[in-house]
N, C-alpha and C. Protein backbone atom coordinates (compact mmCIF):
# COMPACT_ATOMS: atom_id res chain seq x y z
N MET A 1 -58.46 -32.83 -81.35
CA MET A 1 -58.13 -32.01 -81.39
C MET A 1 -57.33 -31.27 -79.84
N ILE A 2 -58.46 -31.79 -79.19
CA ILE A 2 -58.95 -31.27 -77.69
C ILE A 2 -57.36 -31.96 -77.12
N TRP A 3 -56.95 -32.90 -77.82
CA TRP A 3 -55.90 -33.63 -77.13
C TRP A 3 -54.61 -33.46 -77.48
N GLN A 4 -55.05 -32.75 -78.79
CA GLN A 4 -53.46 -31.99 -78.98
C GLN A 4 -53.22 -30.41 -78.85
N ILE A 5 -54.33 -29.39 -78.27
CA ILE A 5 -54.62 -28.84 -77.47
C ILE A 5 -54.09 -28.80 -76.10
N SER A 6 -54.45 -29.89 -75.54
CA SER A 6 -53.83 -30.20 -74.24
C SER A 6 -52.25 -30.72 -73.94
N VAL A 7 -51.84 -31.78 -75.39
CA VAL A 7 -50.72 -31.73 -75.52
C VAL A 7 -49.88 -30.32 -75.31
N CYS A 8 -50.75 -29.78 -76.31
CA CYS A 8 -49.52 -28.46 -76.92
C CYS A 8 -49.64 -27.36 -75.40
N LEU A 9 -50.61 -27.65 -74.41
CA LEU A 9 -50.85 -26.94 -73.17
C LEU A 9 -49.73 -27.37 -71.98
N ALA A 10 -49.49 -28.63 -72.16
CA ALA A 10 -49.21 -29.49 -71.30
C ALA A 10 -47.59 -28.81 -71.60
N SER A 11 -47.02 -28.94 -73.12
CA SER A 11 -46.15 -28.63 -73.37
C SER A 11 -45.53 -27.45 -73.29
N ILE A 12 -46.55 -26.07 -73.15
CA ILE A 12 -46.41 -25.03 -72.61
C ILE A 12 -46.03 -24.62 -71.23
N ALA A 13 -46.53 -25.57 -70.48
CA ALA A 13 -47.16 -25.45 -69.10
C ALA A 13 -45.66 -25.75 -69.01
N PHE A 14 -44.94 -26.70 -69.05
CA PHE A 14 -43.88 -27.47 -68.66
C PHE A 14 -42.35 -26.97 -69.31
N ILE A 15 -42.87 -25.90 -70.45
CA ILE A 15 -41.85 -25.17 -70.46
C ILE A 15 -41.97 -24.00 -69.69
N VAL A 16 -42.43 -23.18 -69.50
CA VAL A 16 -43.02 -22.09 -68.29
C VAL A 16 -42.37 -22.60 -67.25
N LEU A 17 -42.63 -24.09 -66.85
CA LEU A 17 -42.02 -24.36 -65.49
C LEU A 17 -40.52 -24.11 -65.86
N VAL A 18 -40.05 -24.91 -66.48
CA VAL A 18 -38.94 -25.23 -66.94
C VAL A 18 -38.01 -24.33 -66.94
N GLY A 19 -38.61 -23.37 -67.82
CA GLY A 19 -37.83 -21.47 -67.82
C GLY A 19 -37.54 -21.02 -66.56
N TYR A 20 -38.80 -21.10 -65.35
CA TYR A 20 -38.77 -20.60 -63.97
C TYR A 20 -37.88 -21.11 -63.29
N LEU A 21 -37.46 -22.79 -63.32
CA LEU A 21 -36.82 -23.31 -62.73
C LEU A 21 -35.27 -23.11 -62.60
N ILE A 22 -35.12 -22.41 -64.12
CA ILE A 22 -34.15 -22.36 -64.68
C ILE A 22 -33.71 -20.99 -64.18
N ALA A 23 -34.61 -20.15 -64.45
CA ALA A 23 -34.80 -18.95 -63.52
C ALA A 23 -34.36 -19.08 -61.43
N MET A 24 -34.93 -19.83 -61.22
CA MET A 24 -34.81 -20.16 -59.96
C MET A 24 -33.39 -20.38 -59.31
N LEU A 25 -32.67 -21.55 -60.63
CA LEU A 25 -31.61 -21.94 -60.23
C LEU A 25 -30.51 -21.08 -60.23
N ARG A 26 -30.80 -20.19 -61.42
CA ARG A 26 -29.63 -19.44 -61.31
C ARG A 26 -29.73 -18.30 -59.98
N GLU A 27 -30.70 -17.99 -59.69
CA GLU A 27 -31.01 -17.14 -58.68
C GLU A 27 -30.42 -17.57 -57.10
N SER A 28 -30.70 -18.69 -57.27
CA SER A 28 -30.12 -19.75 -55.79
C SER A 28 -28.47 -20.03 -56.01
N ARG A 29 -28.13 -20.03 -57.23
CA ARG A 29 -26.44 -19.66 -57.81
C ARG A 29 -26.08 -18.77 -57.28
N LYS A 30 -26.71 -17.46 -57.67
CA LYS A 30 -26.16 -16.24 -57.24
C LYS A 30 -26.09 -16.26 -55.64
N ALA A 31 -27.50 -16.54 -55.18
CA ALA A 31 -27.16 -16.38 -53.53
C ALA A 31 -25.88 -17.38 -52.83
N MET A 32 -26.09 -18.78 -53.57
CA MET A 32 -24.69 -19.39 -53.19
C MET A 32 -24.00 -18.96 -52.98
N LEU A 33 -23.56 -18.34 -54.46
CA LEU A 33 -21.83 -17.13 -54.55
C LEU A 33 -21.54 -16.77 -53.44
N GLN A 34 -22.68 -15.66 -53.60
CA GLN A 34 -22.83 -14.59 -52.74
C GLN A 34 -22.15 -14.68 -51.15
N ALA A 35 -23.00 -16.12 -50.94
CA ALA A 35 -23.21 -16.32 -49.35
C ALA A 35 -21.55 -17.44 -49.19
N GLN A 36 -21.02 -17.72 -50.22
CA GLN A 36 -19.85 -18.64 -50.39
C GLN A 36 -18.49 -17.14 -50.33
N GLU A 37 -18.77 -16.07 -50.76
CA GLU A 37 -17.84 -14.95 -50.95
C GLU A 37 -18.53 -14.35 -48.87
N THR A 38 -19.50 -14.25 -48.95
CA THR A 38 -19.45 -14.16 -47.89
C THR A 38 -18.76 -14.56 -46.85
N LEU A 39 -19.15 -16.16 -46.84
CA LEU A 39 -18.27 -17.08 -45.68
C LEU A 39 -16.91 -17.03 -45.89
N ASP A 40 -16.04 -16.52 -47.30
CA ASP A 40 -14.51 -16.80 -47.54
C ASP A 40 -14.39 -14.63 -46.95
N GLY A 41 -14.99 -13.82 -47.02
CA GLY A 41 -14.83 -12.73 -45.66
C GLY A 41 -14.74 -12.54 -44.73
N ILE A 42 -15.79 -13.68 -44.47
CA ILE A 42 -15.89 -13.94 -42.83
C ILE A 42 -14.55 -15.12 -42.19
N ARG A 43 -14.59 -15.65 -42.89
CA ARG A 43 -13.04 -16.26 -42.97
C ARG A 43 -11.54 -15.89 -43.16
N SER A 44 -11.85 -15.10 -43.55
CA SER A 44 -10.38 -13.88 -43.68
C SER A 44 -10.45 -13.07 -42.66
N GLN A 45 -11.58 -12.54 -42.33
CA GLN A 45 -11.40 -11.51 -40.88
C GLN A 45 -11.44 -12.19 -39.49
N LEU A 46 -11.87 -14.02 -39.88
CA LEU A 46 -12.00 -14.46 -38.32
C LEU A 46 -9.70 -14.80 -38.29
N GLU A 47 -9.48 -15.23 -39.71
CA GLU A 47 -7.90 -15.65 -39.30
C GLU A 47 -6.87 -14.36 -38.92
N HIS A 48 -7.60 -12.72 -39.76
CA HIS A 48 -6.92 -11.85 -39.25
C HIS A 48 -6.99 -11.91 -37.39
N THR A 49 -8.30 -11.94 -37.06
CA THR A 49 -8.80 -11.53 -35.75
C THR A 49 -7.75 -12.74 -34.85
N ALA A 50 -7.89 -13.57 -35.88
CA ALA A 50 -6.93 -15.19 -34.80
C ALA A 50 -5.25 -14.33 -34.32
N GLU A 51 -5.06 -14.02 -35.57
CA GLU A 51 -3.51 -13.58 -35.62
C GLU A 51 -3.29 -12.33 -34.12
N GLU A 52 -4.44 -11.20 -34.90
CA GLU A 52 -4.31 -10.07 -33.74
C GLU A 52 -4.21 -10.92 -32.27
N SER A 53 -5.11 -11.63 -32.37
CA SER A 53 -5.02 -12.00 -30.77
C SER A 53 -3.89 -12.61 -30.31
N LEU A 54 -3.72 -13.71 -31.11
CA LEU A 54 -2.01 -14.16 -30.53
C LEU A 54 -1.48 -13.19 -30.46
N HIS A 55 -1.06 -12.19 -31.08
CA HIS A 55 -0.11 -11.44 -31.12
C HIS A 55 0.14 -10.54 -30.11
N THR A 56 -1.62 -9.99 -30.20
CA THR A 56 -1.50 -9.55 -28.36
C THR A 56 -1.61 -9.99 -27.30
N ILE A 57 -2.07 -11.51 -27.44
CA ILE A 57 -1.99 -12.60 -26.45
C ILE A 57 -0.30 -12.56 -25.93
N ARG A 58 0.68 -12.73 -27.05
CA ARG A 58 2.01 -12.82 -27.00
C ARG A 58 2.37 -11.16 -26.00
N LEU A 59 1.89 -10.12 -26.52
CA LEU A 59 2.47 -8.92 -25.75
C LEU A 59 2.36 -8.69 -24.64
N SER A 60 0.58 -9.01 -24.63
CA SER A 60 0.58 -9.44 -22.91
C SER A 60 1.20 -10.26 -21.86
N ARG A 61 1.48 -11.31 -22.63
CA ARG A 61 2.11 -12.63 -21.56
C ARG A 61 3.91 -11.71 -21.87
N GLN A 62 4.50 -11.18 -22.40
CA GLN A 62 5.60 -9.87 -22.25
C GLN A 62 5.51 -9.32 -21.40
N VAL A 63 4.17 -8.33 -21.47
CA VAL A 63 3.83 -7.24 -20.20
C VAL A 63 3.62 -7.28 -19.15
N LEU A 64 3.14 -8.97 -19.39
CA LEU A 64 3.16 -9.98 -17.62
C LEU A 64 4.70 -10.00 -16.94
N GLU A 65 5.70 -10.51 -17.83
CA GLU A 65 6.56 -11.10 -17.47
C GLU A 65 7.51 -9.72 -16.83
N ASP A 66 7.33 -8.93 -17.75
CA ASP A 66 7.72 -7.67 -17.17
C ASP A 66 7.84 -7.29 -15.97
N VAL A 67 6.28 -7.14 -15.87
CA VAL A 67 5.47 -6.63 -14.48
C VAL A 67 6.15 -7.52 -13.63
N GLN A 68 6.10 -8.90 -13.60
CA GLN A 68 6.83 -9.81 -12.83
C GLN A 68 8.08 -9.11 -12.01
N GLY A 69 8.78 -9.12 -13.41
CA GLY A 69 10.53 -8.94 -12.85
C GLY A 69 10.71 -7.80 -12.19
N ARG A 70 10.04 -6.73 -12.57
CA ARG A 70 9.52 -5.46 -11.42
C ARG A 70 9.56 -5.58 -10.68
N LEU A 71 8.35 -6.20 -10.48
CA LEU A 71 7.68 -6.69 -9.14
C LEU A 71 9.01 -7.31 -8.12
N LYS A 72 9.25 -8.47 -8.52
CA LYS A 72 10.51 -9.23 -8.13
C LYS A 72 11.11 -8.19 -7.63
N ALA A 73 12.01 -6.87 -8.68
CA ALA A 73 13.28 -6.35 -8.37
C ALA A 73 12.42 -5.07 -7.19
N THR A 74 11.58 -5.01 -6.91
CA THR A 74 10.72 -4.23 -5.77
C THR A 74 11.04 -4.49 -4.64
N ASP A 75 10.20 -5.96 -4.45
CA ASP A 75 10.84 -6.69 -3.37
C ASP A 75 11.95 -6.65 -2.37
N GLY A 76 12.96 -6.19 -2.91
CA GLY A 76 14.15 -5.80 -2.40
C GLY A 76 13.85 -4.54 -1.32
N PHE A 77 13.57 -3.57 -2.21
CA PHE A 77 13.38 -2.42 -2.09
C PHE A 77 12.45 -2.29 -1.11
N VAL A 78 11.25 -3.08 -1.53
CA VAL A 78 10.02 -3.02 0.07
C VAL A 78 10.93 -3.75 1.22
N ALA A 79 11.14 -4.64 1.25
CA ALA A 79 12.13 -5.48 2.32
C ALA A 79 12.94 -4.27 3.19
N ALA A 80 13.97 -3.93 2.12
CA ALA A 80 14.56 -2.61 2.79
C ALA A 80 13.98 -1.40 3.57
N ILE A 81 12.94 -1.11 3.10
CA ILE A 81 11.67 0.31 3.55
C ILE A 81 11.40 -0.52 4.97
N GLU A 82 10.79 -2.09 4.74
CA GLU A 82 9.86 -2.79 5.89
C GLU A 82 11.29 -2.51 7.10
N GLN A 83 12.94 -2.97 6.81
CA GLN A 83 13.43 -2.88 7.74
C GLN A 83 13.53 -1.73 8.10
N THR A 84 13.65 -0.62 7.65
CA THR A 84 14.18 1.13 7.62
C THR A 84 12.83 1.27 9.08
N GLY A 85 11.84 0.69 8.58
CA GLY A 85 10.99 1.40 9.80
C GLY A 85 10.53 0.91 10.91
N GLU A 86 11.53 -0.88 11.12
CA GLU A 86 11.33 -1.23 12.18
C GLU A 86 12.57 -0.77 12.89
N ALA A 87 13.65 -0.34 12.39
CA ALA A 87 14.99 0.53 13.06
C ALA A 87 14.48 1.73 13.13
N ALA A 88 13.57 2.69 12.44
CA ALA A 88 12.87 3.51 13.27
C ALA A 88 12.15 3.44 14.70
N ASN A 89 11.14 2.39 14.32
CA ASN A 89 10.35 2.25 15.03
C ASN A 89 11.48 1.76 16.76
N THR A 90 12.32 0.72 16.53
CA THR A 90 13.18 0.65 17.55
C THR A 90 14.01 2.10 18.05
N LEU A 91 14.69 2.80 17.32
CA LEU A 91 14.66 3.39 17.86
C LEU A 91 14.45 4.99 18.40
N SER A 92 12.80 5.04 17.91
CA SER A 92 11.89 5.91 18.59
C SER A 92 12.12 5.44 19.87
N HIS A 93 11.38 4.09 20.20
CA HIS A 93 11.32 3.21 21.13
C HIS A 93 12.68 3.59 22.17
N SER A 94 14.10 3.43 21.85
CA SER A 94 14.89 3.93 22.76
C SER A 94 15.05 5.48 23.16
N VAL A 95 14.63 6.27 22.03
CA VAL A 95 14.17 7.44 22.67
C VAL A 95 13.56 7.93 24.03
N LYS A 96 12.37 7.15 23.30
CA LYS A 96 11.49 7.57 24.49
C LYS A 96 11.84 6.92 25.76
N LEU A 97 13.02 5.35 25.84
CA LEU A 97 13.25 4.77 26.86
C LEU A 97 14.49 6.54 27.66
N VAL A 98 14.99 6.46 26.62
CA VAL A 98 16.00 7.43 27.27
C VAL A 98 15.96 8.50 27.73
N SER A 99 14.45 9.79 27.50
CA SER A 99 13.70 10.28 27.90
C SER A 99 12.88 10.18 28.57
N ARG A 100 12.42 9.27 28.91
CA ARG A 100 12.03 9.14 30.17
C ARG A 100 12.82 8.79 31.40
N THR A 101 13.90 7.89 30.87
CA THR A 101 14.81 7.67 32.05
C THR A 101 15.45 9.13 32.57
N LEU A 102 15.83 9.91 31.71
CA LEU A 102 16.31 11.04 32.13
C LEU A 102 15.40 12.62 32.72
N SER A 103 14.13 12.14 32.66
CA SER A 103 13.27 12.63 33.12
C SER A 103 12.88 12.11 34.36
N ASP A 104 12.81 10.84 34.61
CA ASP A 104 12.68 10.65 35.88
C ASP A 104 14.23 10.69 36.55
N THR A 105 15.58 11.24 36.25
CA THR A 105 16.58 11.44 36.87
C THR A 105 16.58 12.56 37.01
N VAL A 106 15.76 13.59 36.09
CA VAL A 106 15.80 15.08 36.42
C VAL A 106 14.87 15.30 37.88
N LEU A 107 14.14 14.61 37.88
CA LEU A 107 12.49 14.27 38.85
C LEU A 107 13.68 13.61 40.52
N GLU A 108 14.61 12.94 40.23
CA GLU A 108 14.86 12.61 41.22
C GLU A 108 15.95 13.47 42.00
N ALA A 109 16.75 13.89 40.50
CA ALA A 109 17.91 15.03 41.04
C ALA A 109 17.07 16.50 41.94
N ARG A 110 16.29 16.95 41.34
CA ARG A 110 15.19 17.79 41.73
C ARG A 110 14.87 17.29 43.32
N GLU A 111 13.89 16.26 43.56
CA GLU A 111 13.84 16.10 44.73
C GLU A 111 15.07 16.04 45.98
N SER A 112 16.03 15.41 45.50
CA SER A 112 16.81 14.79 46.18
C SER A 112 17.69 16.40 46.53
N LEU A 113 17.82 17.00 45.88
CA LEU A 113 18.40 18.73 45.45
C LEU A 113 17.63 19.55 46.64
N HIS A 114 16.42 19.31 46.35
CA HIS A 114 14.70 20.33 47.49
C HIS A 114 15.24 19.62 48.74
N SER A 115 15.59 18.10 49.05
CA SER A 115 15.41 17.29 50.29
C SER A 115 17.03 17.82 50.82
N ARG A 116 17.86 18.00 50.08
CA ARG A 116 19.31 18.87 50.55
C ARG A 116 19.10 20.28 50.94
N GLN A 117 18.93 21.00 50.15
CA GLN A 117 18.10 22.62 50.52
C GLN A 117 17.36 22.40 51.86
N ASP A 118 16.80 21.64 52.35
CA ASP A 118 15.99 21.60 53.04
C ASP A 118 17.05 21.49 54.45
N MET A 119 17.85 19.65 54.61
CA MET A 119 18.59 19.40 55.10
C MET A 119 19.61 20.50 55.17
N VAL A 120 19.89 21.65 54.59
CA VAL A 120 21.14 22.55 54.41
C VAL A 120 20.52 23.84 55.66
N LYS A 121 19.19 23.94 55.13
CA LYS A 121 18.39 24.96 56.03
C LYS A 121 18.48 24.52 57.45
N ASP A 122 17.99 23.25 57.86
CA ASP A 122 17.99 22.57 58.98
C ASP A 122 19.39 22.91 59.77
N LEU A 123 20.57 22.55 59.34
CA LEU A 123 21.72 22.51 59.59
C LEU A 123 22.10 24.08 59.72
N ILE A 124 21.66 25.03 58.99
CA ILE A 124 22.06 26.53 58.87
C ILE A 124 21.45 26.80 60.59
N GLU A 125 20.09 26.46 60.60
CA GLU A 125 19.38 26.90 62.05
C GLU A 125 19.59 26.09 63.02
N LEU A 126 20.42 25.03 62.49
CA LEU A 126 20.72 24.54 63.87
C LEU A 126 21.99 24.76 64.37
N THR A 127 22.92 25.28 63.32
CA THR A 127 24.49 26.23 63.59
C THR A 127 24.28 27.51 64.56
N THR A 128 22.80 28.22 63.79
CA THR A 128 22.50 29.65 64.21
C THR A 128 22.45 29.06 65.76
N THR A 129 21.50 28.68 65.83
CA THR A 129 21.18 27.68 67.35
C THR A 129 22.34 27.78 68.19
N GLY A 130 23.25 26.80 67.74
CA GLY A 130 24.05 26.16 68.37
C GLY A 130 25.08 27.54 68.95
N ILE A 131 25.47 28.25 67.61
CA ILE A 131 26.33 29.89 68.17
C ILE A 131 25.33 30.50 69.19
N GLN A 132 24.34 30.52 69.03
CA GLN A 132 23.69 31.56 70.43
C GLN A 132 23.87 30.97 71.26
N LEU A 133 23.37 29.46 71.44
CA LEU A 133 23.35 28.72 72.65
C LEU A 133 24.80 29.13 73.50
N TRP A 134 26.10 28.88 72.45
CA TRP A 134 27.12 28.95 73.18
C TRP A 134 27.58 30.36 73.31
N GLN A 135 27.11 31.39 72.57
CA GLN A 135 27.35 32.58 73.14
C GLN A 135 26.83 32.91 74.64
N ARG A 136 25.74 32.58 74.67
CA ARG A 136 24.84 32.51 76.14
C ARG A 136 25.44 32.12 77.32
N TRP A 137 26.00 30.93 76.97
CA TRP A 137 26.72 30.05 78.07
C TRP A 137 27.57 30.97 78.36
N GLN A 138 28.76 31.26 76.98
CA GLN A 138 30.03 31.98 77.66
C GLN A 138 29.48 33.38 78.43
N ALA A 139 28.58 33.92 77.65
CA ALA A 139 28.27 34.86 78.32
C ALA A 139 27.63 34.96 79.68
N GLN A 140 27.32 33.57 79.96
CA GLN A 140 26.88 33.59 81.62
C GLN A 140 28.11 32.99 82.68
N ARG A 141 29.36 32.35 82.01
CA ARG A 141 29.87 31.57 82.51
C ARG A 141 30.95 32.92 83.45
N PRO A 142 31.17 32.88 84.25
CA PRO A 142 32.16 33.33 84.77
C PRO A 142 34.03 33.85 84.16
N SER A 143 33.70 34.62 83.91
CA SER A 143 35.52 34.85 83.06
C SER A 143 36.17 33.89 83.96
N PRO A 144 37.43 33.87 83.00
CA PRO A 144 38.88 32.85 84.07
C PRO A 144 39.44 34.48 84.93
N LYS A 145 39.28 35.57 84.45
CA LYS A 145 40.24 36.59 85.20
C LYS A 145 39.50 36.98 86.44
N SER A 146 38.21 36.44 86.24
CA SER A 146 37.14 37.10 87.66
C SER A 146 37.69 36.37 88.52
N LYS A 147 38.00 34.57 88.39
CA LYS A 147 38.29 33.43 89.26
C LYS A 147 39.03 34.09 89.81
N SER A 148 40.63 34.31 89.09
CA SER A 148 41.99 35.16 89.85
C SER A 148 41.57 35.89 90.11
N ASP A 149 40.95 36.77 90.06
CA ASP A 149 40.72 37.92 91.14
C ASP A 149 40.42 37.55 92.21
N GLU A 150 39.48 36.83 92.64
CA GLU A 150 38.99 36.22 93.70
C GLU A 150 39.59 35.45 94.62
């Protein structure tokens, strides 16, 4: 009888173990299905993210090409501004030279006028002195009538 009880207990233990294994397999299967669903969701999100990334890359490329085109278009404008700046610099330099030359000429004319004024003043003084000398000489010289009277 012990033998029968042992077989009966072994059978019950086996049935409990099989029941526990079946429950565990069901839970494992549920977990695997949930993991599969999660992976499918992640895969679809990754595919969607990849599509959005490609779209963003295409838009970025278009924007970059547009910016490059606009930069090339402004190259002429920048070159024109540089040329205008150089022309303005040249004009400014020319105006400075003309101004300096004009200033030098005015100073030279002023000095020349001043020296000529001094020269005219000297000539007037010399003329006045000459006239005074002439008048004195004439006054001291005997008159022609007095020579004929003698």
